[in-house]
Amino acid sequence: MTRHSAMERVTDVGAHFKTSVSAHLDYLVIGDGAFVEFSAGFRSSKLDTALNLRESGAPIEIIPEQDFLQLLLS
């Protein structure tokens, strides 16, 4: 799914799409390939920011694209 398609799907269900990571973020969606890299220890700058915010108490959930698609269907 392209980022633009994801944005449309998110806004269609009444949620907000953000392009940056902040403490107000509920979910950080990672493409399936990137999620495998994350599992192996790779941290992009957005992922690094999200993890640091989580360590500070922000309730950011990091999910793979497939889980995101399931959330959209529910």
PDB file of N, CA and C in Angstrom:
ATOM      1  N   MET A   1       0.850  -1.170   0.000  1.00  0.00           N
ATOM      2  CA  MET A   1       0.000   0.000   0.000  1.00  0.00           C
ATOM      3  C   MET A   1       0.899   1.238   0.000  1.00  0.00           C
ATOM      4  N   THR A   2       0.560   2.195  -0.813  1.00  0.00           N
ATOM      5  CA  THR A   2       1.331   3.433  -0.826  1.00  0.00           C
ATOM      6  C   THR A   2       0.971   4.284   0.384  1.00  0.00           C
ATOM      7  N   ARG A   3       1.836   5.221   0.714  1.00  0.00           N
ATOM      8  CA  ARG A   3       1.568   6.110   1.840  1.00  0.00           C
ATOM      9  C   ARG A   3       0.302   6.923   1.590  1.00  0.00           C
ATOM     10  N   HIS A   4       0.100   7.354   0.341  1.00  0.00           N
ATOM     11  CA  HIS A   4      -1.100   8.131   0.007  1.00  0.00           C
ATOM     12  C   HIS A   4      -2.370   7.293   0.205  1.00  0.00           C
ATOM     13  N   SER A   5      -2.334   6.029  -0.221  1.00  0.00           N
ATOM     14  CA  SER A   5      -3.488   5.137  -0.020  1.00  0.00           C
ATOM     15  C   SER A   5      -3.761   4.933   1.468  1.00  0.00           C
ATOM     16  N   ALA A   6      -2.700   4.772   2.236  1.00  0.00           N
ATOM     17  CA  ALA A   6      -2.862   4.597   3.684  1.00  0.00           C
ATOM     18  C   ALA A   6      -3.503   5.839   4.297  1.00  0.00           C
ATOM     19  N   MET A   7      -3.043   7.015   3.852  1.00  0.00           N
ATOM     20  CA  MET A   7      -3.611   8.268   4.361  1.00  0.00           C
ATOM     21  C   MET A   7      -5.107   8.333   4.071  1.00  0.00           C
ATOM     22  N   GLU A   8      -5.489   7.988   2.856  1.00  0.00           N
ATOM     23  CA  GLU A   8      -6.910   8.017   2.493  1.00  0.00           C
ATOM     24  C   GLU A   8      -7.716   7.045   3.338  1.00  0.00           C
ATOM     25  N   ARG A   9      -7.197   5.840   3.549  1.00  0.00           N
ATOM     26  CA  ARG A   9      -7.930   4.839   4.323  1.00  0.00           C
ATOM     27  C   ARG A   9      -8.075   5.272   5.779  1.00  0.00           C
ATOM     28  N   VAL A  10      -7.030   5.852   6.322  1.00  0.00           N
ATOM     29  CA  VAL A  10      -7.072   6.310   7.714  1.00  0.00           C
ATOM     30  C   VAL A  10      -8.097   7.422   7.881  1.00  0.00           C
ATOM     31  N   THR A  11      -8.059   8.390   6.990  1.00  0.00           N
ATOM     32  CA  THR A  11      -9.003   9.505   7.116  1.00  0.00           C
ATOM     33  C   THR A  11     -10.429   9.079   6.797  1.00  0.00           C
ATOM     34  N   ASP A  12     -10.608   8.057   5.947  1.00  0.00           N
ATOM     35  CA  ASP A  12     -11.945   7.550   5.638  1.00  0.00           C
ATOM     36  C   ASP A  12     -12.644   6.984   6.872  1.00  0.00           C
ATOM     37  N   VAL A  13     -11.864   6.451   7.824  1.00  0.00           N
ATOM     38  CA  VAL A  13     -12.470   5.893   9.039  1.00  0.00           C
ATOM     39  C   VAL A  13     -12.493   6.902  10.178  1.00  0.00           C
ATOM     40  N   GLY A  14     -12.127   8.165   9.865  1.00  0.00           N
ATOM     41  CA  GLY A  14     -12.236   9.227  10.854  1.00  0.00           C
ATOM     42  C   GLY A  14     -11.009   9.428  11.727  1.00  0.00           C
ATOM     43  N   ALA A  15      -9.920   8.769  11.397  1.00  0.00           N
ATOM     44  CA  ALA A  15      -8.689   8.942  12.172  1.00  0.00           C
ATOM     45  C   ALA A  15      -7.811  10.009  11.515  1.00  0.00           C
ATOM     46  N   HIS A  16      -6.733  10.361  12.180  1.00  0.00           N
ATOM     47  CA  HIS A  16      -5.813  11.379  11.677  1.00  0.00           C
ATOM     48  C   HIS A  16      -4.522  10.727  11.207  1.00  0.00           C
ATOM     49  N   PHE A  17      -4.037  11.157  10.072  1.00  0.00           N
ATOM     50  CA  PHE A  17      -2.793  10.668   9.498  1.00  0.00           C
ATOM     51  C   PHE A  17      -1.710  11.700   9.758  1.00  0.00           C
ATOM     52  N   LYS A  18      -0.612  11.279  10.329  1.00  0.00           N
ATOM     53  CA  LYS A  18       0.510  12.179  10.612  1.00  0.00           C
ATOM     54  C   LYS A  18       1.736  11.710   9.835  1.00  0.00           C
ATOM     55  N   THR A  19       2.536  12.652   9.396  1.00  0.00           N
ATOM     56  CA  THR A  19       3.765  12.299   8.691  1.00  0.00           C
ATOM     57  C   THR A  19       4.992  12.344   9.596  1.00  0.00           C
ATOM     58  N   SER A  20       4.800  12.814  10.819  1.00  0.00           N
ATOM     59  CA  SER A  20       5.917  12.883  11.754  1.00  0.00           C
ATOM     60  C   SER A  20       5.553  12.151  13.043  1.00  0.00           C
ATOM     61  N   VAL A  21       6.559  11.835  13.805  1.00  0.00           N
ATOM     62  CA  VAL A  21       6.369  11.102  15.057  1.00  0.00           C
ATOM     63  C   VAL A  21       6.406  12.090  16.220  1.00  0.00           C
ATOM     64  N   SER A  22       5.388  12.008  17.072  1.00  0.00           N
ATOM     65  CA  SER A  22       5.355  12.824  18.284  1.00  0.00           C
ATOM     66  C   SER A  22       4.679  12.013  19.386  1.00  0.00           C
ATOM     67  N   ALA A  23       4.663  12.553  20.574  1.00  0.00           N
ATOM     68  CA  ALA A  23       4.050  11.865  21.717  1.00  0.00           C
ATOM     69  C   ALA A  23       2.551  11.704  21.549  1.00  0.00           C
ATOM     70  N   HIS A  24       1.952  12.415  20.608  1.00  0.00           N
ATOM     71  CA  HIS A  24       0.506  12.337  20.379  1.00  0.00           C
ATOM     72  C   HIS A  24       0.126  11.242  19.397  1.00  0.00           C
ATOM     73  N   LEU A  25       1.099  10.503  18.919  1.00  0.00           N
ATOM     74  CA  LEU A  25       0.864   9.434  17.951  1.00  0.00           C
ATOM     75  C   LEU A  25       0.367   8.184  18.666  1.00  0.00           C
ATOM     76  N   ASP A  26      -0.656   7.536  18.111  1.00  0.00           N
ATOM     77  CA  ASP A  26      -1.141   6.279  18.688  1.00  0.00           C
ATOM     78  C   ASP A  26      -0.429   5.074  18.082  1.00  0.00           C
ATOM     79  N   TYR A  27      -0.259   5.093  16.764  1.00  0.00           N
ATOM     80  CA  TYR A  27       0.358   3.971  16.045  1.00  0.00           C
ATOM     81  C   TYR A  27       1.444   4.471  15.105  1.00  0.00           C
ATOM     82  N   LEU A  28       2.530   3.737  15.039  1.00  0.00           N
ATOM     83  CA  LEU A  28       3.527   3.919  13.994  1.00  0.00           C
ATOM     84  C   LEU A  28       3.465   2.656  13.157  1.00  0.00           C
ATOM     85  N   VAL A  29       3.070   2.804  11.905  1.00  0.00           N
ATOM     86  CA  VAL A  29       2.936   1.660  11.007  1.00  0.00           C
ATOM     87  C   VAL A  29       4.232   1.503  10.233  1.00  0.00           C
ATOM     88  N   ILE A  30       4.751   0.302  10.251  1.00  0.00           N
ATOM     89  CA  ILE A  30       5.990  -0.002   9.546  1.00  0.00           C
ATOM     90  C   ILE A  30       5.675  -0.998   8.439  1.00  0.00           C
ATOM     91  N   GLY A  31       6.157  -0.717   7.233  1.00  0.00           N
ATOM     92  CA  GLY A  31       5.983  -1.653   6.118  1.00  0.00           C
ATOM     93  C   GLY A  31       6.486  -3.030   6.511  1.00  0.00           C
ATOM     94  N   ASP A  32       5.893  -4.070   5.950  1.00  0.00           N
ATOM     95  CA  ASP A  32       6.228  -5.432   6.362  1.00  0.00           C
ATOM     96  C   ASP A  32       7.722  -5.739   6.234  1.00  0.00           C
ATOM     97  N   GLY A  33       8.346  -5.302   5.139  1.00  0.00           N
ATOM     98  CA  GLY A  33       9.779  -5.541   4.967  1.00  0.00           C
ATOM     99  C   GLY A  33      10.594  -4.825   6.026  1.00  0.00           C
ATOM    100  N   ALA A  34      10.227  -3.581   6.315  1.00  0.00           N
ATOM    101  CA  ALA A  34      10.927  -2.800   7.327  1.00  0.00           C
ATOM    102  C   ALA A  34      10.702  -3.379   8.718  1.00  0.00           C
ATOM    103  N   PHE A  35       9.539  -4.003   8.948  1.00  0.00           N
ATOM    104  CA  PHE A  35       9.268  -4.593  10.259  1.00  0.00           C
ATOM    105  C   PHE A  35      10.216  -5.760  10.518  1.00  0.00           C
ATOM    106  N   VAL A  36      10.539  -6.511   9.466  1.00  0.00           N
ATOM    107  CA  VAL A  36      11.512  -7.605   9.601  1.00  0.00           C
ATOM    108  C   VAL A  36      12.871  -7.023   9.987  1.00  0.00           C
ATOM    109  N   GLU A  37      13.252  -5.914   9.338  1.00  0.00           N
ATOM    110  CA  GLU A  37      14.517  -5.253   9.680  1.00  0.00           C
ATOM    111  C   GLU A  37      14.482  -4.745  11.125  1.00  0.00           C
ATOM    112  N   PHE A  38      13.328  -4.201  11.546  1.00  0.00           N
ATOM    113  CA  PHE A  38      13.164  -3.731  12.924  1.00  0.00           C
ATOM    114  C   PHE A  38      13.358  -4.889  13.897  1.00  0.00           C
ATOM    115  N   SER A  39      12.790  -6.033  13.571  1.00  0.00           N
ATOM    116  CA  SER A  39      12.932  -7.207  14.435  1.00  0.00           C
ATOM    117  C   SER A  39      14.391  -7.634  14.553  1.00  0.00           C
ATOM    118  N   ALA A  40      15.172  -7.344  13.499  1.00  0.00           N
ATOM    119  CA  ALA A  40      16.595  -7.693  13.505  1.00  0.00           C
ATOM    120  C   ALA A  40      17.461  -6.599  14.127  1.00  0.00           C
ATOM    121  N   GLY A  41      16.830  -5.490  14.582  1.00  0.00           N
ATOM    122  CA  GLY A  41      17.564  -4.455  15.282  1.00  0.00           C
ATOM    123  C   GLY A  41      17.733  -3.144  14.534  1.00  0.00           C
ATOM    124  N   PHE A  42      17.296  -3.054  13.272  1.00  0.00           N
ATOM    125  CA  PHE A  42      17.426  -1.809  12.517  1.00  0.00           C
ATOM    126  C   PHE A  42      16.443  -0.780  13.041  1.00  0.00           C
ATOM    127  N   ARG A  43      16.895   0.468  13.190  1.00  0.00           N
ATOM    128  CA  ARG A  43      16.031   1.535  13.685  1.00  0.00           C
ATOM    129  C   ARG A  43      16.156   2.749  12.770  1.00  0.00           C
ATOM    130  N   SER A  44      15.082   3.043  12.030  1.00  0.00           N
ATOM    131  CA  SER A  44      15.036   4.270  11.234  1.00  0.00           C
ATOM    132  C   SER A  44      14.906   5.445  12.193  1.00  0.00           C
ATOM    133  N   SER A  45      15.033   6.661  11.685  1.00  0.00           N
ATOM    134  CA  SER A  45      14.935   7.830  12.562  1.00  0.00           C
ATOM    135  C   SER A  45      13.538   7.944  13.171  1.00  0.00           C
ATOM    136  N   LYS A  46      12.482   7.646  12.388  1.00  0.00           N
ATOM    137  CA  LYS A  46      11.117   7.711  12.939  1.00  0.00           C
ATOM    138  C   LYS A  46      10.916   6.627  13.983  1.00  0.00           C
ATOM    139  N   LEU A  47      11.421   5.445  13.711  1.00  0.00           N
ATOM    140  CA  LEU A  47      11.296   4.354  14.669  1.00  0.00           C
ATOM    141  C   LEU A  47      12.083   4.669  15.932  1.00  0.00           C
ATOM    142  N   ASP A  48      13.269   5.207  15.773  1.00  0.00           N
ATOM    143  CA  ASP A  48      14.082   5.576  16.924  1.00  0.00           C
ATOM    144  C   ASP A  48      13.359   6.615  17.783  1.00  0.00           C
ATOM    145  N   THR A  49      12.758   7.607  17.137  1.00  0.00           N
ATOM    146  CA  THR A  49      11.991   8.631  17.865  1.00  0.00           C
ATOM    147  C   THR A  49      10.823   8.000  18.610  1.00  0.00           C
ATOM    148  N   ALA A  50      10.081   7.113  17.928  1.00  0.00           N
ATOM    149  CA  ALA A  50       8.932   6.458  18.564  1.00  0.00           C
ATOM    150  C   ALA A  50       9.358   5.623  19.767  1.00  0.00           C
ATOM    151  N   LEU A  51      10.441   4.898  19.633  1.00  0.00           N
ATOM    152  CA  LEU A  51      10.915   4.076  20.748  1.00  0.00           C
ATOM    153  C   LEU A  51      11.359   4.945  21.922  1.00  0.00           C
ATOM    154  N   ASN A  52      12.029   6.050  21.634  1.00  0.00           N
ATOM    155  CA  ASN A  52      12.440   6.958  22.713  1.00  0.00           C
ATOM    156  C   ASN A  52      11.228   7.569  23.408  1.00  0.00           C
ATOM    157  N   LEU A  53      10.210   7.937  22.630  1.00  0.00           N
ATOM    158  CA  LEU A  53       8.985   8.486  23.220  1.00  0.00           C
ATOM    159  C   LEU A  53       8.271   7.439  24.074  1.00  0.00           C
ATOM    160  N   ARG A  54       8.251   6.187  23.595  1.00  0.00           N
ATOM    161  CA  ARG A  54       7.635   5.116  24.388  1.00  0.00           C
ATOM    162  C   ARG A  54       8.357   4.933  25.712  1.00  0.00           C
ATOM    163  N   GLU A  55       9.691   4.998  25.668  1.00  0.00           N
ATOM    164  CA  GLU A  55      10.467   4.859  26.905  1.00  0.00           C
ATOM    165  C   GLU A  55      10.160   5.995  27.885  1.00  0.00           C
ATOM    166  N   SER A  56       9.718   7.131  27.346  1.00  0.00           N
ATOM    167  CA  SER A  56       9.359   8.279  28.183  1.00  0.00           C
ATOM    168  C   SER A  56       7.893   8.251  28.611  1.00  0.00           C
ATOM    169  N   GLY A  57       7.167   7.207  28.219  1.00  0.00           N
ATOM    170  CA  GLY A  57       5.789   7.058  28.662  1.00  0.00           C
ATOM    171  C   GLY A  57       4.719   7.284  27.613  1.00  0.00           C
ATOM    172  N   ALA A  58       5.083   7.653  26.394  1.00  0.00           N
ATOM    173  CA  ALA A  58       4.075   7.845  25.339  1.00  0.00           C
ATOM    174  C   ALA A  58       3.536   6.479  24.906  1.00  0.00           C
ATOM    175  N   PRO A  59       2.224   6.355  24.771  1.00  0.00           N
ATOM    176  CA  PRO A  59       1.622   5.056  24.438  1.00  0.00           C
ATOM    177  C   PRO A  59       1.603   4.760  22.932  1.00  0.00           C
ATOM    178  N   ILE A  60       2.748   4.867  22.271  1.00  0.00           N
ATOM    179  CA  ILE A  60       2.828   4.623  20.835  1.00  0.00           C
ATOM    180  C   ILE A  60       2.968   3.127  20.586  1.00  0.00           C
ATOM    181  N   GLU A  61       2.080   2.602  19.768  1.00  0.00           N
ATOM    182  CA  GLU A  61       2.146   1.191  19.402  1.00  0.00           C
ATOM    183  C   GLU A  61       2.788   1.083  18.022  1.00  0.00           C
ATOM    184  N   ILE A  62       3.804   0.254  17.904  1.00  0.00           N
ATOM    185  CA  ILE A  62       4.511   0.051  16.640  1.00  0.00           C
ATOM    186  C   ILE A  62       3.982  -1.236  16.030  1.00  0.00           C
ATOM    187  N   ILE A  63       3.380  -1.106  14.844  1.00  0.00           N
ATOM    188  CA  ILE A  63       2.734  -2.264  14.234  1.00  0.00           C
ATOM    189  C   ILE A  63       3.178  -2.444  12.780  1.00  0.00           C
ATOM    190  N   PRO A  64       3.186  -3.699  12.306  1.00  0.00           N
ATOM    191  CA  PRO A  64       3.488  -3.938  10.893  1.00  0.00           C
ATOM    192  C   PRO A  64       2.277  -3.597  10.024  1.00  0.00           C
ATOM    193  N   GLU A  65       2.531  -3.406   8.755  1.00  0.00           N
ATOM    194  CA  GLU A  65       1.483  -3.018   7.811  1.00  0.00           C
ATOM    195  C   GLU A  65       0.297  -3.985   7.827  1.00  0.00           C
ATOM    196  N   GLN A  66       0.551  -5.276   7.934  1.00  0.00           N
ATOM    197  CA  GLN A  66      -0.546  -6.254   7.932  1.00  0.00           C
ATOM    198  C   GLN A  66      -1.494  -6.038   9.111  1.00  0.00           C
ATOM    199  N   ASP A  67      -0.951  -5.714  10.286  1.00  0.00           N
ATOM    200  CA  ASP A  67      -1.803  -5.434  11.449  1.00  0.00           C
ATOM    201  C   ASP A  67      -2.600  -4.147  11.232  1.00  0.00           C
ATOM    202  N   PHE A  68      -1.968  -3.168  10.596  1.00  0.00           N
ATOM    203  CA  PHE A  68      -2.655  -1.914  10.261  1.00  0.00           C
ATOM    204  C   PHE A  68      -3.847  -2.194   9.354  1.00  0.00           C
ATOM    205  N   LEU A  69      -3.644  -3.031   8.346  1.00  0.00           N
ATOM    206  CA  LEU A  69      -4.736  -3.358   7.424  1.00  0.00           C
ATOM    207  C   LEU A  69      -5.864  -4.072   8.154  1.00  0.00           C
ATOM    208  N   GLN A  70      -5.532  -4.936   9.104  1.00  0.00           N
ATOM    209  CA  GLN A  70      -6.568  -5.613   9.880  1.00  0.00           C
ATOM    210  C   GLN A  70      -7.343  -4.623  10.739  1.00  0.00           C
ATOM    211  N   LEU A  71      -6.659  -3.616  11.302  1.00  0.00           N
ATOM    212  CA  LEU A  71      -7.351  -2.588  12.080  1.00  0.00           C
ATOM    213  C   LEU A  71      -8.338  -1.817  11.220  1.00  0.00           C
ATOM    214  N   LEU A  72      -7.943  -1.543   9.991  1.00  0.00           N
ATOM    215  CA  LEU A  72      -8.835  -0.812   9.088  1.00  0.00           C
ATOM    216  C   LEU A  72     -10.088  -1.618   8.760  1.00  0.00           C
ATOM    217  N   LEU A  73      -9.956  -2.928   8.730  1.00  0.00           N
ATOM    218  CA  LEU A  73     -11.090  -3.791   8.394  1.00  0.00           C
ATOM    219  C   LEU A  73     -12.036  -4.006   9.568  1.00  0.00           C
ATOM    220  N   SER A  74     -11.532  -3.764  10.789  1.00  0.00           N
ATOM    221  CA  SER A  74     -12.377  -4.038  11.967  1.00  0.00           C
ATOM    222  C   SER A  74     -13.256  -2.868  12.319  1.00  0.00           C
TER     223      SER A  74
END
